């Protein structure tokens, strides 16, 4: 059983930054691919970044160059550094690993 708990969301002005964190339980964290998704009102949930066990990262085109995903295996943590935020980044952000999802954290970017 894996539990994922996100934190770090909030309200920020356009151009600002936020850092999301995802704390994971479970003994096999270091071998799991971790991902961040987001879902805006009326939209489907979309994958925005993932990081493999070896540290390889991939990004959706919408966030490439602005967001950075990272992980700390010793702490069972995954992070999403979000820079140059835009109003269209407003969404609930979810941490995901295999079939497990966190509860989500709201990010609101004002113009």
Protein backbone atom coordinates (compact mmCIF):
# COMPACT_ATOMS: atom_id res chain seq x y z
CA UNK A 1 0.00 0.00 0.00
CA UNK A 2 1.27 3.44 -0.97
CA UNK A 3 0.02 6.78 0.30
CA UNK A 4 0.84 10.03 -1.45
CA UNK A 5 0.36 13.42 0.20
CA UNK A 6 0.85 16.64 -1.74
CA UNK A 7 1.60 20.06 -0.29
CA UNK A 8 2.81 23.47 -1.40
CA UNK A 9 -0.08 24.75 -3.47
CA UNK A 10 -1.49 28.23 -3.11
CA UNK A 11 -2.22 31.53 -4.77
CA UNK A 12 0.52 33.26 -6.74
CA UNK A 13 0.70 36.08 -9.24
CA UNK A 14 1.57 35.42 -12.86
CA UNK A 15 5.31 35.15 -13.26
CA UNK A 16 5.76 33.81 -9.76
CA UNK A 17 6.97 30.45 -8.49
CA UNK A 18 5.73 27.64 -6.32
CA UNK A 19 7.26 24.37 -5.19
CA UNK A 20 4.99 21.38 -4.76
CA UNK A 21 6.00 18.43 -2.61
CA UNK A 22 4.73 14.87 -2.55
CA UNK A 23 5.46 12.64 0.42
CA UNK A 24 5.21 8.93 -0.28
CA UNK A 25 4.90 5.98 2.04
CA UNK A 26 6.02 2.49 1.12
CA UNK A 27 9.37 0.75 1.07
CA UNK A 28 9.82 0.61 -2.70
CA UNK A 29 9.78 4.35 -3.40
CA UNK A 30 13.24 4.34 -4.97
CA UNK A 31 12.18 2.00 -7.77
CA UNK A 32 8.94 3.77 -8.64
CA UNK A 33 8.34 6.22 -11.41
CA UNK A 34 6.70 9.29 -9.90
CA UNK A 35 4.52 11.73 -11.81
CA UNK A 36 2.66 14.99 -11.46
CA UNK A 37 -0.71 15.53 -13.12
CA UNK A 38 -3.03 18.48 -13.09
CA UNK A 39 -6.71 19.02 -13.70
CA UNK A 40 -8.32 22.36 -14.40
CA UNK A 41 -12.10 22.84 -14.12
CA UNK A 42 -13.85 21.30 -17.09
CA UNK A 43 -10.67 19.67 -18.35
CA UNK A 44 -9.32 16.15 -18.28
CA UNK A 45 -6.52 15.31 -15.91
CA UNK A 46 -3.24 15.69 -17.79
CA UNK A 47 0.27 14.40 -17.20
CA UNK A 48 2.72 17.26 -16.88
CA UNK A 49 5.93 15.66 -15.60
CA UNK A 50 7.38 12.34 -14.57
CA UNK A 51 10.66 11.12 -13.17
CA UNK A 52 11.87 7.55 -13.38
CA UNK A 53 13.73 5.62 -10.71
CA UNK A 54 16.99 6.46 -12.48
CA UNK A 55 16.16 10.17 -12.48
CA UNK A 56 15.17 10.63 -16.09
CA UNK A 57 12.58 13.38 -16.38
CA UNK A 58 9.97 14.05 -19.02
CA UNK A 59 7.68 17.04 -19.39
CA UNK A 60 4.55 18.05 -21.22
CA UNK A 61 5.14 20.73 -23.81
CA UNK A 62 2.98 23.17 -21.84
CA UNK A 63 5.41 23.22 -18.91
CA UNK A 64 8.75 22.39 -20.54
CA UNK A 65 11.39 24.92 -19.59
CA UNK A 66 9.34 26.30 -16.69
CA UNK A 67 8.74 23.30 -14.42
CA UNK A 68 11.31 20.95 -12.93
CA UNK A 69 10.53 17.59 -11.36
CA UNK A 70 12.95 16.05 -8.87
CA UNK A 71 13.06 13.36 -6.23
CA UNK A 72 14.81 12.56 -3.00
CA UNK A 73 14.78 8.79 -2.55
CA UNK A 74 16.16 8.94 0.98
CA UNK A 75 13.23 11.12 2.08
CA UNK A 76 10.61 9.44 -0.16
CA UNK A 77 9.83 12.85 -1.62
CA UNK A 78 9.00 14.11 -5.08
CA UNK A 79 9.03 17.79 -5.95
CA UNK A 80 7.70 20.01 -8.69
CA UNK A 81 9.38 23.40 -8.96
CA UNK A 82 7.12 25.69 -10.98
CA UNK A 83 8.56 28.95 -12.32
CA UNK A 84 7.16 31.64 -14.62
CA UNK A 85 3.65 30.60 -13.69
CA UNK A 86 0.79 31.56 -15.96
CA UNK A 87 -2.95 31.86 -15.27
CA UNK A 88 -3.48 28.78 -17.44
CA UNK A 89 -1.43 26.78 -14.93
CA UNK A 90 -4.32 27.13 -12.48
CA UNK A 91 -5.46 23.61 -11.58
CA UNK A 92 -5.48 20.97 -8.91
CA UNK A 93 -2.11 19.23 -9.00
CA UNK A 94 -1.85 15.52 -8.19
CA UNK A 95 1.06 13.27 -7.36
CA UNK A 96 0.81 9.80 -8.89
CA UNK A 97 2.66 6.51 -8.83
CA UNK A 98 1.28 3.44 -10.61
CA UNK A 99 -2.32 3.11 -9.38
CA UNK A 100 -1.88 5.44 -6.43
CA UNK A 101 -2.92 9.09 -6.31
CA UNK A 102 -2.63 11.86 -3.78
CA UNK A 103 -5.55 14.03 -2.76
CA UNK A 104 -4.37 16.99 -4.82
CA UNK A 105 -3.25 20.51 -4.02
CA UNK A 106 -4.78 23.64 -5.54
CA UNK A 107 -2.60 26.04 -7.51
CA UNK A 108 -4.15 29.34 -8.51
CA UNK A 109 -2.27 31.84 -10.66
CA UNK A 110 -3.74 35.32 -10.84
CA UNK A 111 -3.18 37.61 -13.81
